[in-house]
PDB file of N, CA and C in Angstrom:
ATOM      1  N   MET A   1       0.853  -1.184   0.000  1.00  0.00           N
ATOM      2  CA  MET A   1       0.000   0.000   0.000  1.00  0.00           C
ATOM      3  C   MET A   1       0.895   1.242   0.000  1.00  0.00           C
ATOM      4  N   PRO A   2       0.649   2.186  -0.913  1.00  0.00           N
ATOM      5  CA  PRO A   2       1.486   3.391  -0.954  1.00  0.00           C
ATOM      6  C   PRO A   2       1.263   4.253   0.284  1.00  0.00           C
ATOM      7  N   ARG A   3       2.340   4.897   0.699  1.00  0.00           N
ATOM      8  CA  ARG A   3       2.268   5.772   1.863  1.00  0.00           C
ATOM      9  C   ARG A   3       1.754   7.145   1.452  1.00  0.00           C
ATOM     10  N   THR A   4       1.025   7.790   2.343  1.00  0.00           N
ATOM     11  CA  THR A   4       0.511   9.135   2.105  1.00  0.00           C
ATOM     12  C   THR A   4       1.680  10.098   1.989  1.00  0.00           C
ATOM     13  N   LYS A   5       1.632  10.931   0.928  1.00  0.00           N
ATOM     14  CA  LYS A   5       2.701  11.912   0.709  1.00  0.00           C
ATOM     15  C   LYS A   5       2.358  13.233   1.384  1.00  0.00           C
ATOM     16  N   ILE A   6       3.332  13.745   2.128  1.00  0.00           N
ATOM     17  CA  ILE A   6       3.194  15.042   2.784  1.00  0.00           C
ATOM     18  C   ILE A   6       4.333  15.934   2.316  1.00  0.00           C
ATOM     19  N   LEU A   7       4.002  17.159   1.950  1.00  0.00           N
ATOM     20  CA  LEU A   7       5.008  18.169   1.628  1.00  0.00           C
ATOM     21  C   LEU A   7       5.118  19.090   2.831  1.00  0.00           C
ATOM     22  N   LEU A   8       6.291  19.142   3.425  1.00  0.00           N
ATOM     23  CA  LEU A   8       6.559  19.940   4.611  1.00  0.00           C
ATOM     24  C   LEU A   8       7.411  21.136   4.209  1.00  0.00           C
ATOM     25  N   VAL A   9       6.908  22.343   4.470  1.00  0.00           N
ATOM     26  CA  VAL A   9       7.614  23.570   4.099  1.00  0.00           C
ATOM     27  C   VAL A   9       7.873  24.365   5.376  1.00  0.00           C
ATOM     28  N   GLU A  10       9.156  24.523   5.692  1.00  0.00           N
ATOM     29  CA  GLU A  10       9.553  25.161   6.954  1.00  0.00           C
ATOM     30  C   GLU A  10      10.891  25.852   6.748  1.00  0.00           C
ATOM     31  N   ASP A  11      11.022  27.088   7.249  1.00  0.00           N
ATOM     32  CA  ASP A  11      12.261  27.845   7.065  1.00  0.00           C
ATOM     33  C   ASP A  11      13.293  27.615   8.170  1.00  0.00           C
ATOM     34  N   GLU A  12      12.899  27.001   9.260  1.00  0.00           N
ATOM     35  CA  GLU A  12      13.824  26.715  10.362  1.00  0.00           C
ATOM     36  C   GLU A  12      14.337  25.283  10.213  1.00  0.00           C
ATOM     37  N   PRO A  13      15.635  25.088   9.938  1.00  0.00           N
ATOM     38  CA  PRO A  13      16.160  23.744   9.663  1.00  0.00           C
ATOM     39  C   PRO A  13      15.893  22.707  10.761  1.00  0.00           C
ATOM     40  N   LEU A  14      16.028  23.090  12.019  1.00  0.00           N
ATOM     41  CA  LEU A  14      15.814  22.136  13.103  1.00  0.00           C
ATOM     42  C   LEU A  14      14.336  21.717  13.188  1.00  0.00           C
ATOM     43  N   VAL A  15      13.449  22.680  13.049  1.00  0.00           N
ATOM     44  CA  VAL A  15      12.011  22.382  13.072  1.00  0.00           C
ATOM     45  C   VAL A  15      11.649  21.519  11.866  1.00  0.00           C
ATOM     46  N   LEU A  16      12.209  21.842  10.708  1.00  0.00           N
ATOM     47  CA  LEU A  16      11.969  21.062   9.498  1.00  0.00           C
ATOM     48  C   LEU A  16      12.370  19.604   9.714  1.00  0.00           C
ATOM     49  N   ARG A  17      13.569  19.392  10.208  1.00  0.00           N
ATOM     50  CA  ARG A  17      14.083  18.029  10.410  1.00  0.00           C
ATOM     51  C   ARG A  17      13.275  17.262  11.449  1.00  0.00           C
ATOM     52  N   ASN A  18      12.996  17.907  12.585  1.00  0.00           N
ATOM     53  CA  ASN A  18      12.248  17.240  13.658  1.00  0.00           C
ATOM     54  C   ASN A  18      10.827  16.884  13.228  1.00  0.00           C
ATOM     55  N   THR A  19      10.173  17.797  12.529  1.00  0.00           N
ATOM     56  CA  THR A  19       8.812  17.530  12.071  1.00  0.00           C
ATOM     57  C   THR A  19       8.803  16.441  11.009  1.00  0.00           C
ATOM     58  N   ALA A  20       9.756  16.490  10.088  1.00  0.00           N
ATOM     59  CA  ALA A  20       9.858  15.445   9.064  1.00  0.00           C
ATOM     60  C   ALA A  20      10.085  14.092   9.720  1.00  0.00           C
ATOM     61  N   ASP A  21      10.984  14.013  10.700  1.00  0.00           N
ATOM     62  CA  ASP A  21      11.252  12.753  11.392  1.00  0.00           C
ATOM     63  C   ASP A  21       9.988  12.213  12.066  1.00  0.00           C
ATOM     64  N   LEU A  22       9.232  13.080  12.705  1.00  0.00           N
ATOM     65  CA  LEU A  22       7.986  12.691  13.363  1.00  0.00           C
ATOM     66  C   LEU A  22       7.019  12.062  12.360  1.00  0.00           C
ATOM     67  N   LEU A  23       6.844  12.736  11.223  1.00  0.00           N
ATOM     68  CA  LEU A  23       5.909  12.250  10.209  1.00  0.00           C
ATOM     69  C   LEU A  23       6.405  10.957   9.557  1.00  0.00           C
ATOM     70  N   ILE A  24       7.699  10.871   9.297  1.00  0.00           N
ATOM     71  CA  ILE A  24       8.285   9.661   8.699  1.00  0.00           C
ATOM     72  C   ILE A  24       8.122   8.475   9.650  1.00  0.00           C
ATOM     73  N   GLU A  25       8.374   8.700  10.936  1.00  0.00           N
ATOM     74  CA  GLU A  25       8.235   7.635  11.926  1.00  0.00           C
ATOM     75  C   GLU A  25       6.798   7.130  12.010  1.00  0.00           C
ATOM     76  N   ASP A  26       5.844   7.981  11.654  1.00  0.00           N
ATOM     77  CA  ASP A  26       4.439   7.571  11.677  1.00  0.00           C
ATOM     78  C   ASP A  26       4.014   6.947  10.344  1.00  0.00           C
ATOM     79  N   GLY A  27       4.956   6.794   9.417  1.00  0.00           N
ATOM     80  CA  GLY A  27       4.671   6.074   8.181  1.00  0.00           C
ATOM     81  C   GLY A  27       4.384   6.921   6.961  1.00  0.00           C
ATOM     82  N   TYR A  28       4.564   8.229   7.055  1.00  0.00           N
ATOM     83  CA  TYR A  28       4.316   9.094   5.910  1.00  0.00           C
ATOM     84  C   TYR A  28       5.543   9.201   5.015  1.00  0.00           C
ATOM     85  N   ASP A  29       5.298   9.477   3.756  1.00  0.00           N
ATOM     86  CA  ASP A  29       6.340   9.774   2.779  1.00  0.00           C
ATOM     87  C   ASP A  29       6.461  11.294   2.768  1.00  0.00           C
ATOM     88  N   VAL A  30       7.551  11.827   3.283  1.00  0.00           N
ATOM     89  CA  VAL A  30       7.687  13.270   3.504  1.00  0.00           C
ATOM     90  C   VAL A  30       8.735  13.881   2.585  1.00  0.00           C
ATOM     91  N   ALA A  31       8.336  14.945   1.892  1.00  0.00           N
ATOM     92  CA  ALA A  31       9.268  15.761   1.113  1.00  0.00           C
ATOM     93  C   ALA A  31       9.461  17.058   1.897  1.00  0.00           C
ATOM     94  N   GLU A  32      10.708  17.505   1.985  1.00  0.00           N
ATOM     95  CA  GLU A  32      11.034  18.705   2.761  1.00  0.00           C
ATOM     96  C   GLU A  32      11.439  19.844   1.844  1.00  0.00           C
ATOM     97  N   CYS A  33      10.907  21.033   2.111  1.00  0.00           N
ATOM     98  CA  CYS A  33      11.264  22.241   1.361  1.00  0.00           C
ATOM     99  C   CYS A  33      11.449  23.389   2.343  1.00  0.00           C
ATOM    100  N   THR A  34      12.254  24.369   1.931  1.00  0.00           N
ATOM    101  CA  THR A  34      12.474  25.531   2.792  1.00  0.00           C
ATOM    102  C   THR A  34      11.853  26.808   2.236  1.00  0.00           C
ATOM    103  N   GLY A  35      11.283  26.759   1.048  1.00  0.00           N
ATOM    104  CA  GLY A  35      10.679  27.947   0.453  1.00  0.00           C
ATOM    105  C   GLY A  35       9.566  27.596  -0.517  1.00  0.00           C
ATOM    106  N   CYS A  36       8.845  28.615  -0.921  1.00  0.00           N
ATOM    107  CA  CYS A  36       7.662  28.429  -1.765  1.00  0.00           C
ATOM    108  C   CYS A  36       7.975  27.942  -3.173  1.00  0.00           C
ATOM    109  N   GLU A  37       8.968  28.517  -3.805  1.00  0.00           N
ATOM    110  CA  GLU A  37       9.276  28.104  -5.178  1.00  0.00           C
ATOM    111  C   GLU A  37       9.635  26.633  -5.232  1.00  0.00           C
ATOM    112  N   GLU A  38      10.425  26.198  -4.276  1.00  0.00           N
ATOM    113  CA  GLU A  38      10.797  24.792  -4.187  1.00  0.00           C
ATOM    114  C   GLU A  38       9.555  23.933  -3.918  1.00  0.00           C
ATOM    115  N   ALA A  39       8.670  24.402  -3.058  1.00  0.00           N
ATOM    116  CA  ALA A  39       7.443  23.666  -2.732  1.00  0.00           C
ATOM    117  C   ALA A  39       6.528  23.541  -3.949  1.00  0.00           C
ATOM    118  N   LEU A  40       6.366  24.622  -4.689  1.00  0.00           N
ATOM    119  CA  LEU A  40       5.521  24.582  -5.888  1.00  0.00           C
ATOM    120  C   LEU A  40       6.095  23.640  -6.937  1.00  0.00           C
ATOM    121  N   ALA A  41       7.409  23.651  -7.097  1.00  0.00           N
ATOM    122  CA  ALA A  41       8.048  22.740  -8.047  1.00  0.00           C
ATOM    123  C   ALA A  41       7.817  21.287  -7.620  1.00  0.00           C
ATOM    124  N   ARG A  42       7.885  21.027  -6.325  1.00  0.00           N
ATOM    125  CA  ARG A  42       7.662  19.672  -5.815  1.00  0.00           C
ATOM    126  C   ARG A  42       6.214  19.244  -6.045  1.00  0.00           C
ATOM    127  N   LEU A  43       5.268  20.150  -5.816  1.00  0.00           N
ATOM    128  CA  LEU A  43       3.859  19.823  -6.055  1.00  0.00           C
ATOM    129  C   LEU A  43       3.593  19.555  -7.532  1.00  0.00           C
ATOM    130  N   GLU A  44       4.248  20.305  -8.407  1.00  0.00           N
ATOM    131  CA  GLU A  44       4.125  20.064  -9.850  1.00  0.00           C
ATOM    132  C   GLU A  44       4.652  18.668 -10.205  1.00  0.00           C
ATOM    133  N   ALA A  45       5.788  18.315  -9.629  1.00  0.00           N
ATOM    134  CA  ALA A  45       6.427  17.037  -9.926  1.00  0.00           C
ATOM    135  C   ALA A  45       5.700  15.857  -9.285  1.00  0.00           C
ATOM    136  N   GLU A  46       5.050  16.103  -8.158  1.00  0.00           N
ATOM    137  CA  GLU A  46       4.361  15.037  -7.427  1.00  0.00           C
ATOM    138  C   GLU A  46       2.935  15.470  -7.093  1.00  0.00           C
ATOM    139  N   PRO A  47       2.053  15.527  -8.112  1.00  0.00           N
ATOM    140  CA  PRO A  47       0.687  16.004  -7.885  1.00  0.00           C
ATOM    141  C   PRO A  47      -0.160  15.087  -7.002  1.00  0.00           C
ATOM    142  N   ASP A  48       0.352  13.898  -6.693  1.00  0.00           N
ATOM    143  CA  ASP A  48      -0.378  12.997  -5.804  1.00  0.00           C
ATOM    144  C   ASP A  48      -0.073  13.267  -4.329  1.00  0.00           C
ATOM    145  N   THR A  49       0.649  14.342  -4.045  1.00  0.00           N
ATOM    146  CA  THR A  49       0.881  14.753  -2.657  1.00  0.00           C
ATOM    147  C   THR A  49      -0.476  15.006  -2.016  1.00  0.00           C
ATOM    148  N   ALA A  50      -0.684  14.466  -0.823  1.00  0.00           N
ATOM    149  CA  ALA A  50      -1.993  14.547  -0.170  1.00  0.00           C
ATOM    150  C   ALA A  50      -2.121  15.714   0.799  1.00  0.00           C
ATOM    151  N   VAL A  51      -0.998  16.068   1.459  1.00  0.00           N
ATOM    152  CA  VAL A  51      -1.059  17.077   2.521  1.00  0.00           C
ATOM    153  C   VAL A  51       0.106  18.054   2.373  1.00  0.00           C
ATOM    154  N   LEU A  52      -0.205  19.335   2.506  1.00  0.00           N
ATOM    155  CA  LEU A  52       0.797  20.396   2.562  1.00  0.00           C
ATOM    156  C   LEU A  52       0.797  20.935   3.981  1.00  0.00           C
ATOM    157  N   VAL A  53       1.949  20.868   4.646  1.00  0.00           N
ATOM    158  CA  VAL A  53       2.118  21.473   5.966  1.00  0.00           C
ATOM    159  C   VAL A  53       3.134  22.583   5.770  1.00  0.00           C
ATOM    160  N   THR A  54       2.706  23.834   5.951  1.00  0.00           N
ATOM    161  CA  THR A  54       3.607  24.952   5.706  1.00  0.00           C
ATOM    162  C   THR A  54       3.589  25.971   6.837  1.00  0.00           C
ATOM    163  N   ASP A  55       4.770  26.442   7.172  1.00  0.00           N
ATOM    164  CA  ASP A  55       4.921  27.538   8.112  1.00  0.00           C
ATOM    165  C   ASP A  55       4.481  28.824   7.409  1.00  0.00           C
ATOM    166  N   LEU A  56       3.958  29.764   8.160  1.00  0.00           N
ATOM    167  CA  LEU A  56       3.529  31.030   7.562  1.00  0.00           C
ATOM    168  C   LEU A  56       4.693  31.925   7.157  1.00  0.00           C
ATOM    169  N   ASN A  57       5.868  31.725   7.756  1.00  0.00           N
ATOM    170  CA  ASN A  57       6.995  32.628   7.523  1.00  0.00           C
ATOM    171  C   ASN A  57       7.975  32.154   6.463  1.00  0.00           C
ATOM    172  N   VAL A  58       7.586  31.202   5.627  1.00  0.00           N
ATOM    173  CA  VAL A  58       8.504  30.752   4.574  1.00  0.00           C
ATOM    174  C   VAL A  58       8.648  31.832   3.519  1.00  0.00           C
ATOM    175  N   THR A  59       9.778  31.786   2.815  1.00  0.00           N
ATOM    176  CA  THR A  59      10.052  32.810   1.808  1.00  0.00           C
ATOM    177  C   THR A  59       9.350  32.514   0.497  1.00  0.00           C
ATOM    178  N   CYS A  60       8.666  33.493   0.036  1.00  0.00           N
ATOM    179  CA  CYS A  60       7.905  33.395  -1.212  1.00  0.00           C
ATOM    180  C   CYS A  60       7.855  34.787  -1.804  1.00  0.00           C
ATOM    181  N   PRO A  61       7.225  34.824  -2.931  1.00  0.00           N
ATOM    182  CA  PRO A  61       6.606  36.106  -3.252  1.00  0.00           C
ATOM    183  C   PRO A  61       5.375  36.132  -2.348  1.00  0.00           C
ATOM    184  N   GLY A  62       5.490  36.706  -1.195  1.00  0.00           N
ATOM    185  CA  GLY A  62       4.435  36.669  -0.190  1.00  0.00           C
ATOM    186  C   GLY A  62       4.925  35.877   1.009  1.00  0.00           C
ATOM    187  N   ASP A  63       4.116  34.903   1.448  1.00  0.00           N
ATOM    188  CA  ASP A  63       4.454  34.089   2.615  1.00  0.00           C
ATOM    189  C   ASP A  63       3.768  32.736   2.501  1.00  0.00           C
ATOM    190  N   GLY A  64       3.702  32.019   3.618  1.00  0.00           N
ATOM    191  CA  GLY A  64       3.057  30.712   3.613  1.00  0.00           C
ATOM    192  C   GLY A  64       1.583  30.774   3.271  1.00  0.00           C
ATOM    193  N   ILE A  65       0.940  31.893   3.583  1.00  0.00           N
ATOM    194  CA  ILE A  65      -0.472  32.039   3.220  1.00  0.00           C
ATOM    195  C   ILE A  65      -0.611  32.125   1.705  1.00  0.00           C
ATOM    196  N   ALA A  66       0.285  32.858   1.057  1.00  0.00           N
ATOM    197  CA  ALA A  66       0.257  32.944  -0.409  1.00  0.00           C
ATOM    198  C   ALA A  66       0.472  31.557  -1.018  1.00  0.00           C
ATOM    199  N   LEU A  67       1.391  30.789  -0.451  1.00  0.00           N
ATOM    200  CA  LEU A  67       1.621  29.424  -0.915  1.00  0.00           C
ATOM    201  C   LEU A  67       0.358  28.587  -0.733  1.00  0.00           C
ATOM    202  N   ALA A  68      -0.271  28.686   0.417  1.00  0.00           N
ATOM    203  CA  ALA A  68      -1.486  27.912   0.689  1.00  0.00           C
ATOM    204  C   ALA A  68      -2.604  28.268  -0.288  1.00  0.00           C
ATOM    205  N   ARG A  69      -2.773  29.552  -0.558  1.00  0.00           N
ATOM    206  CA  ARG A  69      -3.819  29.972  -1.507  1.00  0.00           C
ATOM    207  C   ARG A  69      -3.575  29.400  -2.895  1.00  0.00           C
ATOM    208  N   LEU A  70      -2.350  29.531  -3.372  1.00  0.00           N
ATOM    209  CA  LEU A  70      -2.008  29.027  -4.697  1.00  0.00           C
ATOM    210  C   LEU A  70      -2.159  27.508  -4.762  1.00  0.00           C
ATOM    211  N   ALA A  71      -1.666  26.823  -3.743  1.00  0.00           N
ATOM    212  CA  ALA A  71      -1.766  25.363  -3.704  1.00  0.00           C
ATOM    213  C   ALA A  71      -3.226  24.915  -3.667  1.00  0.00           C
ATOM    214  N   ALA A  72      -4.064  25.602  -2.895  1.00  0.00           N
ATOM    215  CA  ALA A  72      -5.484  25.250  -2.809  1.00  0.00           C
ATOM    216  C   ALA A  72      -6.178  25.428  -4.162  1.00  0.00           C
ATOM    217  N   GLU A  73      -5.778  26.450  -4.880  1.00  0.00           N
ATOM    218  CA  GLU A  73      -6.371  26.720  -6.188  1.00  0.00           C
ATOM    219  C   GLU A  73      -5.924  25.697  -7.234  1.00  0.00           C
ATOM    220  N   ARG A  74      -4.644  25.387  -7.246  1.00  0.00           N
ATOM    221  CA  ARG A  74      -4.095  24.509  -8.285  1.00  0.00           C
ATOM    222  C   ARG A  74      -4.263  23.028  -7.999  1.00  0.00           C
ATOM    223  N   TRP A  75      -4.323  22.658  -6.723  1.00  0.00           N
ATOM    224  CA  TRP A  75      -4.462  21.243  -6.345  1.00  0.00           C
ATOM    225  C   TRP A  75      -5.626  21.135  -5.360  1.00  0.00           C
ATOM    226  N   PRO A  76      -6.853  21.125  -5.869  1.00  0.00           N
ATOM    227  CA  PRO A  76      -8.034  21.150  -4.986  1.00  0.00           C
ATOM    228  C   PRO A  76      -8.141  19.955  -4.036  1.00  0.00           C
ATOM    229  N   HIS A  77      -7.487  18.849  -4.348  1.00  0.00           N
ATOM    230  CA  HIS A  77      -7.526  17.669  -3.467  1.00  0.00           C
ATOM    231  C   HIS A  77      -6.592  17.818  -2.259  1.00  0.00           C
ATOM    232  N   LEU A  78      -5.679  18.771  -2.316  1.00  0.00           N
ATOM    233  CA  LEU A  78      -4.621  18.910  -1.314  1.00  0.00           C
ATOM    234  C   LEU A  78      -5.188  19.391   0.023  1.00  0.00           C
ATOM    235  N   ARG A  79      -4.866  18.671   1.078  1.00  0.00           N
ATOM    236  CA  ARG A  79      -5.224  19.115   2.423  1.00  0.00           C
ATOM    237  C   ARG A  79      -4.097  20.036   2.892  1.00  0.00           C
ATOM    238  N   ILE A  80      -4.451  21.128   3.563  1.00  0.00           N
ATOM    239  CA  ILE A  80      -3.461  22.148   3.916  1.00  0.00           C
ATOM    240  C   ILE A  80      -3.489  22.435   5.413  1.00  0.00           C
ATOM    241  N   VAL A  81      -2.294  22.380   6.015  1.00  0.00           N
ATOM    242  CA  VAL A  81      -2.125  22.741   7.419  1.00  0.00           C
ATOM    243  C   VAL A  81      -1.139  23.904   7.460  1.00  0.00           C
ATOM    244  N   LEU A  82      -1.580  25.029   7.998  1.00  0.00           N
ATOM    245  CA  LEU A  82      -0.726  26.203   8.187  1.00  0.00           C
ATOM    246  C   LEU A  82      -0.259  26.208   9.633  1.00  0.00           C
ATOM    247  N   VAL A  83       1.038  26.424   9.838  1.00  0.00           N
ATOM    248  CA  VAL A  83       1.565  26.446  11.205  1.00  0.00           C
ATOM    249  C   VAL A  83       2.349  27.733  11.441  1.00  0.00           C
ATOM    250  N   SER A  84       2.281  28.208  12.688  1.00  0.00           N
ATOM    251  CA  SER A  84       3.039  29.406  13.040  1.00  0.00           C
ATOM    252  C   SER A  84       3.124  29.529  14.551  1.00  0.00           C
ATOM    253  N   GLY A  85       4.233  30.071  14.999  1.00  0.00           N
ATOM    254  CA  GLY A  85       4.397  30.377  16.414  1.00  0.00           C
ATOM    255  C   GLY A  85       3.960  31.801  16.711  1.00  0.00           C
ATOM    256  N   ALA A  86       3.598  32.538  15.681  1.00  0.00           N
ATOM    257  CA  ALA A  86       3.141  33.921  15.834  1.00  0.00           C
ATOM    258  C   ALA A  86       1.620  33.927  15.981  1.00  0.00           C
ATOM    259  N   LEU A  87       1.047  35.066  15.805  1.00  0.00           N
ATOM    260  CA  LEU A  87      -0.401  35.190  15.923  1.00  0.00           C
ATOM    261  C   LEU A  87      -1.129  34.439  14.817  1.00  0.00           C
ATOM    262  N   ARG A  88      -2.329  34.020  15.131  1.00  0.00           N
ATOM    263  CA  ARG A  88      -3.181  33.350  14.156  1.00  0.00           C
ATOM    264  C   ARG A  88      -3.598  34.362  13.085  1.00  0.00           C
ATOM    265  N   PRO A  89      -3.496  33.985  11.808  1.00  0.00           N
ATOM    266  CA  PRO A  89      -3.930  34.910  10.770  1.00  0.00           C
ATOM    267  C   PRO A  89      -5.446  35.093  10.813  1.00  0.00           C
ATOM    268  N   PRO A  90      -5.936  36.265  10.460  1.00  0.00           N
ATOM    269  CA  PRO A  90      -7.376  36.503  10.503  1.00  0.00           C
ATOM    270  C   PRO A  90      -8.133  35.579   9.542  1.00  0.00           C
ATOM    271  N   PRO A  91      -9.353  35.184   9.920  1.00  0.00           N
ATOM    272  CA  PRO A  91     -10.166  34.372   9.012  1.00  0.00           C
ATOM    273  C   PRO A  91     -10.334  35.086   7.672  1.00  0.00           C
ATOM    274  N   GLY A  92     -10.386  34.313   6.630  1.00  0.00           N
ATOM    275  CA  GLY A  92     -10.537  34.880   5.297  1.00  0.00           C
ATOM    276  C   GLY A  92      -9.225  35.200   4.611  1.00  0.00           C
ATOM    277  N   THR A  93      -8.108  35.141   5.354  1.00  0.00           N
ATOM    278  CA  THR A  93      -6.811  35.428   4.734  1.00  0.00           C
ATOM    279  C   THR A  93      -6.148  34.170   4.204  1.00  0.00           C
ATOM    280  N   TYR A  94      -6.638  33.007   4.623  1.00  0.00           N
ATOM    281  CA  TYR A  94      -6.091  31.745   4.124  1.00  0.00           C
ATOM    282  C   TYR A  94      -7.241  30.884   3.600  1.00  0.00           C
ATOM    283  N   PRO A  95      -6.940  29.866   2.817  1.00  0.00           N
ATOM    284  CA  PRO A  95      -8.008  29.060   2.217  1.00  0.00           C
ATOM    285  C   PRO A  95      -8.965  28.505   3.266  1.00  0.00           C
ATOM    286  N   GLU A  96     -10.236  28.512   2.929  1.00  0.00           N
ATOM    287  CA  GLU A  96     -11.280  28.079   3.849  1.00  0.00           C
ATOM    288  C   GLU A  96     -11.055  26.651   4.344  1.00  0.00           C
ATOM    289  N   ARG A  97     -10.583  25.789   3.471  1.00  0.00           N
ATOM    290  CA  ARG A  97     -10.420  24.387   3.874  1.00  0.00           C
ATOM    291  C   ARG A  97      -9.091  24.117   4.596  1.00  0.00           C
ATOM    292  N   ALA A  98      -8.253  25.131   4.738  1.00  0.00           N
ATOM    293  CA  ALA A  98      -6.983  24.962   5.448  1.00  0.00           C
ATOM    294  C   ALA A  98      -7.226  24.971   6.955  1.00  0.00           C
ATOM    295  N   ILE A  99      -6.352  24.284   7.649  1.00  0.00           N
ATOM    296  CA  ILE A  99      -6.392  24.255   9.112  1.00  0.00           C
ATOM    297  C   ILE A  99      -5.196  25.040   9.623  1.00  0.00           C
ATOM    298  N   PHE A 100      -5.427  25.907  10.617  1.00  0.00           N
ATOM    299  CA  PHE A 100      -4.317  26.621  11.250  1.00  0.00           C
ATOM    300  C   PHE A 100      -3.949  25.890  12.531  1.00  0.00           C
ATOM    301  N   PHE A 101      -2.648  25.730  12.750  1.00  0.00           N
ATOM    302  CA  PHE A 101      -2.149  24.997  13.906  1.00  0.00           C
ATOM    303  C   PHE A 101      -1.021  25.818  14.525  1.00  0.00           C
ATOM    304  N   THR A 102      -1.088  26.065  15.825  1.00  0.00           N
ATOM    305  CA  THR A 102      -0.106  26.894  16.520  1.00  0.00           C
ATOM    306  C   THR A 102       1.131  26.086  16.909  1.00  0.00           C
ATOM    307  N   LYS A 103       2.317  26.688  16.659  1.00  0.00           N
ATOM    308  CA  LYS A 103       3.581  26.108  17.126  1.00  0.00           C
ATOM    309  C   LYS A 103       3.935  26.761  18.458  1.00  0.00           C
ATOM    310  N   PRO A 104       4.652  26.104  19.312  1.00  0.00           N
ATOM    311  CA  PRO A 104       5.071  24.709  19.203  1.00  0.00           C
ATOM    312  C   PRO A 104       3.874  23.798  19.431  1.00  0.00           C
ATOM    313  N   TYR A 105       3.885  22.670  18.766  1.00  0.00           N
ATOM    314  CA  TYR A 105       2.788  21.722  18.898  1.00  0.00           C
ATOM    315  C   TYR A 105       3.303  20.414  19.467  1.00  0.00           C
ATOM    316  N   ALA A 106       2.427  19.739  20.163  1.00  0.00           N
ATOM    317  CA  ALA A 106       2.768  18.410  20.662  1.00  0.00           C
ATOM    318  C   ALA A 106       2.804  17.471  19.469  1.00  0.00           C
ATOM    319  N   PRO A 107       3.790  16.594  19.387  1.00  0.00           N
ATOM    320  CA  PRO A 107       3.896  15.684  18.252  1.00  0.00           C
ATOM    321  C   PRO A 107       2.608  14.928  17.950  1.00  0.00           C
ATOM    322  N   GLY A 108       1.970  14.418  18.987  1.00  0.00           N
ATOM    323  CA  GLY A 108       0.725  13.677  18.781  1.00  0.00           C
ATOM    324  C   GLY A 108      -0.377  14.543  18.213  1.00  0.00           C
ATOM    325  N   ALA A 109      -0.392  15.809  18.585  1.00  0.00           N
ATOM    326  CA  ALA A 109      -1.430  16.710  18.088  1.00  0.00           C
ATOM    327  C   ALA A 109      -1.278  16.945  16.591  1.00  0.00           C
ATOM    328  N   LEU A 110      -0.048  17.130  16.117  1.00  0.00           N
ATOM    329  CA  LEU A 110       0.165  17.314  14.678  1.00  0.00           C
ATOM    330  C   LEU A 110      -0.241  16.049  13.923  1.00  0.00           C
ATOM    331  N   LEU A 111       0.139  14.900  14.426  1.00  0.00           N
ATOM    332  CA  LEU A 111      -0.237  13.641  13.773  1.00  0.00           C
ATOM    333  C   LEU A 111      -1.754  13.489  13.726  1.00  0.00           C
ATOM    334  N   HIS A 112      -2.426  13.875  14.794  1.00  0.00           N
ATOM    335  CA  HIS A 112      -3.887  13.798  14.823  1.00  0.00           C
ATOM    336  C   HIS A 112      -4.503  14.684  13.738  1.00  0.00           C
ATOM    337  N   VAL A 113      -3.986  15.897  13.595  1.00  0.00           N
ATOM    338  CA  VAL A 113      -4.516  16.815  12.580  1.00  0.00           C
ATOM    339  C   VAL A 113      -4.290  16.259  11.180  1.00  0.00           C
ATOM    340  N   VAL A 114      -3.103  15.735  10.920  1.00  0.00           N
ATOM    341  CA  VAL A 114      -2.782  15.200   9.596  1.00  0.00           C
ATOM    342  C   VAL A 114      -3.623  13.962   9.281  1.00  0.00           C
ATOM    343  N   GLN A 115      -3.920  13.143  10.292  1.00  0.00           N
ATOM    344  CA  GLN A 115      -4.656  11.898  10.097  1.00  0.00           C
ATOM    345  C   GLN A 115      -6.162  12.074  10.107  1.00  0.00           C
ATOM    346  N   SER A 116      -6.658  13.179  10.592  1.00  0.00           N
ATOM    347  CA  SER A 116      -8.089  13.361  10.818  1.00  0.00           C
ATOM    348  C   SER A 116      -8.919  13.163   9.551  1.00  0.00           C
ATOM    349  N   PRO A 117      -9.936  12.278   9.605  1.00  0.00           N
ATOM    350  CA  PRO A 117     -10.806  12.090   8.450  1.00  0.00           C
ATOM    351  C   PRO A 117     -11.700  13.314   8.210  1.00  0.00           C
ATOM    352  N   ASP A 118     -11.865  14.152   9.236  1.00  0.00           N
ATOM    353  CA  ASP A 118     -12.684  15.356   9.089  1.00  0.00           C
ATOM    354  C   ASP A 118     -11.933  16.491   8.414  1.00  0.00           C
ATOM    355  N   PHE A 119     -10.655  16.266   8.173  1.00  0.00           N
ATOM    356  CA  PHE A 119      -9.803  17.261   7.543  1.00  0.00           C
ATOM    357  C   PHE A 119     -10.302  17.457   6.121  1.00  0.00           C
ATOM    358  N   ALA A 120     -10.847  18.622   5.859  1.00  0.00           N
ATOM    359  CA  ALA A 120     -11.422  18.865   4.527  1.00  0.00           C
ATOM    360  C   ALA A 120     -10.342  19.155   3.568  1.00  0.00           C
TER     361      ALA A 120
END
């Protein structure tokens, strides 16, 4: 059975590595990126990616919210989790079907969000 593909976009190397390790240990196929252009190229190359987990502060033309909006538009099947240790972005600024998750997060909590069948 193929493993669920997750694209993880994070600008902090330690957070990127630790989060990727957590997801890999739980059986996910994880691709790691540090910026939006790299993430978009990965989504183009692997359109069967199921989940995008992106920090809001990644470098883009814009930020992680801009990446989430574009990804939601181009890959409607993609589940999106936005993460940040800063303030929660106002409603309406990110895709309606995206989930916002505050950092730091408990490892089990992130896994629960990624696995949730209610995740639109």
